[in-house]
Amino acid sequence: TGGPRIALVGHLDVVRTEHDKPPRVDGDVVYGPGAADMKSGLAVMIDLLEHHYARFSKAVDLTYVFYAREEGPFAENELGPVLDADPELKDVELAVCLEPSDNKLSLGASGSIHAKIVFEGRTAHSARPWQGENAIHKAGAFLTELDALGPREVTIDGLLYRSVFSVTMASGGRGRNIVPDRFELNLNHRFSPDRTIAEAQKDIVRLVGGRAEIEWLDLSPAAP
């Protein structure tokens, strides 16, 4: 058309969360896994394509991009292969991903690191805990420090980003009368675009402070 080249983008997968009731429509609200992130955006894209494409196509060159595995590990995200398979997408001037946003545009993207934090102890009978070293107890100070951390805020190009640390999973223990010798945490760090992955990793290392082993699980860069 000679107009701007625009892409509307949406991922097909969802996080399989648990809800208190089956998926349902209650008034004008849809409840269920993935209803917001991002089946609502996909529904908008499909509705535009089926019912309004002729109106938009007179003014812009509009491309719809649907891809898989956004919610999984960064290395398995299938947007990259989609972009590689369609050279024309490299000429898009504006791409909008219809993630949930209350009709507000969010510009830029925080990076994400998942790291396994492993506290090691020594097993013993819980009747004689002084003979062992409780790995779960060893994590207590670290968890308390995490809980006290507020978001690190930074403004880049007029946009506010918040860097945060969250423990999202924990596992440990051999039995209810055994002092645990191993305690594993999944630490998720979301970091602003003023940090590289390497710098964000150093922030985690400083936070752990040598008290536990760190295993890097998933490294996703930030973007302005």
Protein backbone atom coordinates (compact mmCIF):
# COMPACT_ATOMS: atom_id res chain seq x y z
CA THR A 1 0.00 0.00 0.00
CA GLY A 2 2.95 2.34 0.52
CA GLY A 3 1.73 2.80 4.08
CA PRO A 4 3.54 1.73 7.24
CA ARG A 5 4.42 -1.92 7.68
CA ILE A 6 2.87 -3.09 10.96
CA ALA A 7 2.85 -6.48 12.68
CA LEU A 8 0.42 -7.66 15.34
CA VAL A 9 2.06 -10.40 17.37
CA GLY A 10 0.73 -13.03 19.76
CA HIS A 11 1.96 -16.25 21.38
CA LEU A 12 -0.24 -19.34 21.46
CA ASP A 13 0.91 -21.00 24.70
CA VAL A 14 -0.24 -20.22 28.24
CA VAL A 15 0.90 -20.84 31.80
CA ARG A 16 -1.24 -23.70 33.10
CA THR A 17 -2.38 -22.06 36.32
CA GLU A 18 -4.98 -23.39 38.75
CA HIS A 19 -8.30 -21.58 39.22
CA ASP A 20 -11.01 -21.90 41.83
CA LYS A 21 -13.63 -22.79 39.24
CA PRO A 22 -13.77 -24.09 35.64
CA PRO A 23 -13.12 -21.63 32.79
CA ARG A 24 -16.19 -19.43 32.48
CA VAL A 25 -17.70 -16.13 31.36
CA ASP A 26 -19.00 -14.07 34.27
CA GLY A 27 -20.66 -10.88 33.05
CA ASP A 28 -18.18 -9.28 30.67
CA VAL A 29 -15.14 -11.02 32.17
CA VAL A 30 -13.59 -14.32 31.05
CA TYR A 31 -11.89 -16.46 33.72
CA GLY A 32 -9.51 -19.32 32.98
CA PRO A 33 -5.87 -20.24 32.34
CA GLY A 34 -4.40 -17.91 29.73
CA ALA A 35 -7.53 -15.76 29.37
CA ALA A 36 -5.46 -12.59 29.81
CA ASP A 37 -2.01 -13.84 28.77
CA MET A 38 -2.72 -14.00 26.03
CA LYS A 39 -5.88 -15.51 24.56
CA SER A 40 -7.60 -12.13 24.78
CA GLY A 41 -4.96 -10.62 22.49
CA LEU A 42 -5.23 -13.54 20.08
CA ALA A 43 -9.02 -13.10 19.99
CA VAL A 44 -8.59 -9.43 19.07
CA MET A 45 -6.14 -10.36 16.30
CA ILE A 46 -8.48 -13.00 14.87
CA ASP A 47 -11.49 -10.65 15.05
CA LEU A 48 -9.55 -7.95 13.20
CA LEU A 49 -8.48 -10.46 10.59
CA GLU A 50 -11.97 -11.90 10.04
CA HIS A 51 -14.09 -8.75 10.20
CA HIS A 52 -11.97 -5.60 9.78
CA TYR A 53 -9.01 -6.51 7.61
CA ALA A 54 -10.32 -4.75 4.50
CA ARG A 55 -10.56 -1.43 6.32
CA PHE A 56 -7.01 -1.62 7.71
CA SER A 57 -5.44 -3.04 4.57
CA LYS A 58 -6.19 0.13 2.60
CA ALA A 59 -3.84 2.21 4.73
CA VAL A 60 -1.18 -0.16 6.08
CA ASP A 61 0.61 -3.37 5.26
CA LEU A 62 -0.57 -5.51 8.15
CA THR A 63 1.05 -8.82 9.13
CA TYR A 64 -0.20 -11.18 11.81
CA VAL A 65 2.39 -13.23 13.66
CA PHE A 66 1.37 -16.23 15.79
CA TYR A 67 4.10 -18.20 17.54
CA ALA A 68 4.60 -20.82 20.24
CA ARG A 69 6.59 -21.43 23.45
CA GLU A 70 6.82 -17.87 24.72
CA GLU A 71 6.22 -18.99 28.31
CA GLY A 72 9.01 -21.58 28.36
CA PRO A 73 12.80 -21.30 28.43
CA PHE A 74 14.23 -18.41 26.40
CA ALA A 75 16.22 -20.76 24.16
CA GLU A 76 13.03 -22.62 23.16
CA ASN A 77 11.00 -19.53 22.23
CA GLU A 78 9.77 -20.08 18.66
CA LEU A 79 9.48 -16.42 17.64
CA GLY A 80 13.08 -16.53 16.41
CA PRO A 81 12.45 -19.36 13.91
CA VAL A 82 9.30 -17.56 12.70
CA LEU A 83 11.30 -14.38 12.05
CA ASP A 84 14.05 -16.35 10.31
CA ALA A 85 11.52 -18.13 8.07
CA ASP A 86 9.91 -14.90 6.82
CA PRO A 87 12.49 -12.33 5.63
CA GLU A 88 9.76 -9.72 5.08
CA LEU A 89 9.26 -9.45 8.84
CA LYS A 90 12.67 -7.81 9.08
CA ASP A 91 11.18 -4.78 7.28
CA VAL A 92 8.34 -4.25 9.77
CA GLU A 93 8.38 -0.67 11.09
CA LEU A 94 6.20 -1.25 14.16
CA ALA A 95 5.30 -4.48 15.96
CA VAL A 96 2.72 -4.63 18.74
CA CYS A 97 2.48 -7.72 20.94
CA LEU A 98 -1.05 -7.87 22.33
CA GLU A 99 -0.08 -8.94 25.82
CA PRO A 100 -2.50 -7.96 28.63
CA SER A 101 -2.04 -4.27 29.32
CA ASP A 102 -5.44 -2.67 30.20
CA ASN A 103 -5.30 -0.92 26.81
CA LYS A 104 -1.96 0.68 27.70
CA LEU A 105 1.21 0.28 25.70
CA SER A 106 4.24 -1.08 27.53
CA LEU A 107 7.51 -0.26 25.81
CA GLY A 108 10.72 -2.22 26.36
CA ALA A 109 11.15 -5.53 28.13
CA SER A 110 12.73 -6.64 31.37
CA GLY A 111 15.24 -9.46 31.25
CA SER A 112 14.68 -12.67 33.18
CA ILE A 113 17.03 -15.08 34.91
CA HIS A 114 16.01 -18.34 36.56
CA ALA A 115 18.67 -19.74 38.87
CA LYS A 116 18.68 -22.77 41.15
CA ILE A 117 20.01 -21.82 44.58
CA VAL A 118 21.15 -24.90 46.51
CA PHE A 119 21.80 -24.86 50.27
CA GLU A 120 23.78 -27.87 51.50
CA GLY A 121 23.62 -29.27 55.04
CA ARG A 122 24.17 -32.58 56.81
CA THR A 123 21.44 -35.06 57.56
CA ALA A 124 20.58 -36.25 61.07
CA HIS A 125 17.64 -37.54 63.08
CA SER A 126 15.30 -34.70 64.09
CA ALA A 127 15.53 -35.91 67.70
CA ARG A 128 19.24 -34.99 67.60
CA PRO A 129 19.44 -32.06 65.20
CA TRP A 130 22.77 -30.89 66.68
CA GLN A 131 24.37 -33.86 64.96
CA GLY A 132 23.45 -32.47 61.56
CA GLU A 133 23.12 -29.18 59.73
CA ASN A 134 19.67 -28.11 58.59
CA ALA A 135 19.84 -26.95 54.98
CA ILE A 136 16.39 -25.33 55.16
CA HIS A 137 17.37 -23.33 58.23
CA LYS A 138 20.55 -22.20 56.45
CA ALA A 139 18.36 -20.55 53.80
CA GLY A 140 16.44 -18.54 56.39
CA ALA A 141 18.64 -15.44 56.44
CA PHE A 142 18.77 -15.38 52.62
CA LEU A 143 14.97 -15.56 52.37
CA THR A 144 14.57 -12.84 54.99
CA GLU A 145 16.90 -10.56 53.04
CA LEU A 146 14.97 -11.25 49.83
CA ASP A 147 11.69 -10.41 51.54
CA ALA A 148 13.09 -7.07 52.67
CA LEU A 149 14.32 -6.10 49.20
CA GLY A 150 12.20 -3.51 47.42
CA PRO A 151 12.20 -3.09 43.65
CA ARG A 152 15.18 -1.30 42.14
CA GLU A 153 13.65 1.43 40.00
CA VAL A 154 15.34 3.03 37.02
CA THR A 155 14.04 5.39 34.32
CA ILE A 156 15.31 4.83 30.77
CA ASP A 157 14.12 7.06 27.91
CA GLY A 158 11.33 8.29 30.17
CA LEU A 159 10.13 4.75 30.96
CA LEU A 160 10.11 3.29 34.49
CA TYR A 161 11.50 -0.22 34.99
CA ARG A 162 11.54 -2.24 38.21
CA SER A 163 14.13 -4.93 38.90
CA VAL A 164 12.93 -7.58 41.37
CA PHE A 165 13.92 -10.93 42.89
CA SER A 166 11.36 -13.65 43.63
CA VAL A 167 11.66 -17.20 44.91
CA THR A 168 9.03 -19.08 42.92
CA MET A 169 9.69 -22.72 43.91
CA ALA A 170 11.29 -24.51 46.84
CA SER A 171 12.02 -28.17 47.58
CA GLY A 172 13.90 -30.07 50.26
CA GLY A 173 13.71 -32.69 52.95
CA ARG A 174 13.90 -36.49 53.08
CA GLY A 175 11.27 -37.21 55.70
CA ARG A 176 9.39 -35.53 58.50
CA ASN A 177 11.77 -36.79 61.20
CA ILE A 178 15.00 -36.20 59.26
CA VAL A 179 17.10 -33.03 59.32
CA PRO A 180 17.31 -32.01 55.63
CA ASP A 181 20.74 -31.94 54.01
CA ARG A 182 19.66 -30.15 50.81
CA PHE A 183 17.28 -27.30 50.05
CA GLU A 184 16.71 -25.96 46.53
CA LEU A 185 15.14 -22.64 45.56
CA ASN A 186 14.20 -21.33 42.13
CA LEU A 187 15.14 -17.67 42.10
CA ASN A 188 13.64 -15.54 39.32
CA HIS A 189 15.31 -12.18 38.74
CA ARG A 190 13.59 -9.67 36.44
CA PHE A 191 16.02 -6.89 35.51
CA SER A 192 15.87 -3.59 33.62
CA PRO A 193 17.52 -2.86 30.24
CA ASP A 194 20.39 -0.97 31.88
CA ARG A 195 21.73 -4.39 32.94
CA THR A 196 23.30 -7.05 30.76
CA ILE A 197 22.73 -10.72 31.58
CA ALA A 198 26.28 -10.91 32.98
CA GLU A 199 25.67 -7.89 35.25
CA ALA A 200 22.36 -9.34 36.46
CA GLN A 201 24.12 -12.62 37.23
CA LYS A 202 26.67 -10.73 39.33
CA ASP A 203 23.78 -9.14 41.26
CA ILE A 204 22.51 -12.63 42.12
CA VAL A 205 25.99 -13.81 43.12
CA ARG A 206 26.36 -10.82 45.45
CA LEU A 207 22.94 -11.49 46.94
CA VAL A 208 23.72 -15.16 47.63
CA GLY A 209 27.05 -14.13 49.11
CA GLY A 210 28.68 -17.57 48.95
CA ARG A 211 26.07 -19.17 51.20
CA ALA A 212 24.78 -21.55 48.52
CA GLU A 213 25.61 -23.00 45.13
CA ILE A 214 24.13 -21.33 42.03
CA GLU A 215 23.05 -23.13 38.87
CA TRP A 216 21.98 -20.95 35.94
CA LEU A 217 18.81 -22.38 34.36
CA ASP A 218 17.43 -19.77 31.95
CA LEU A 219 18.94 -16.51 30.72
CA SER A 220 16.77 -14.03 28.81
CA PRO A 221 18.12 -10.56 27.96
CA ALA A 222 16.36 -7.26 28.57
CA ALA A 223 15.51 -4.91 25.70
CA PRO A 224 14.98 -1.13 25.54
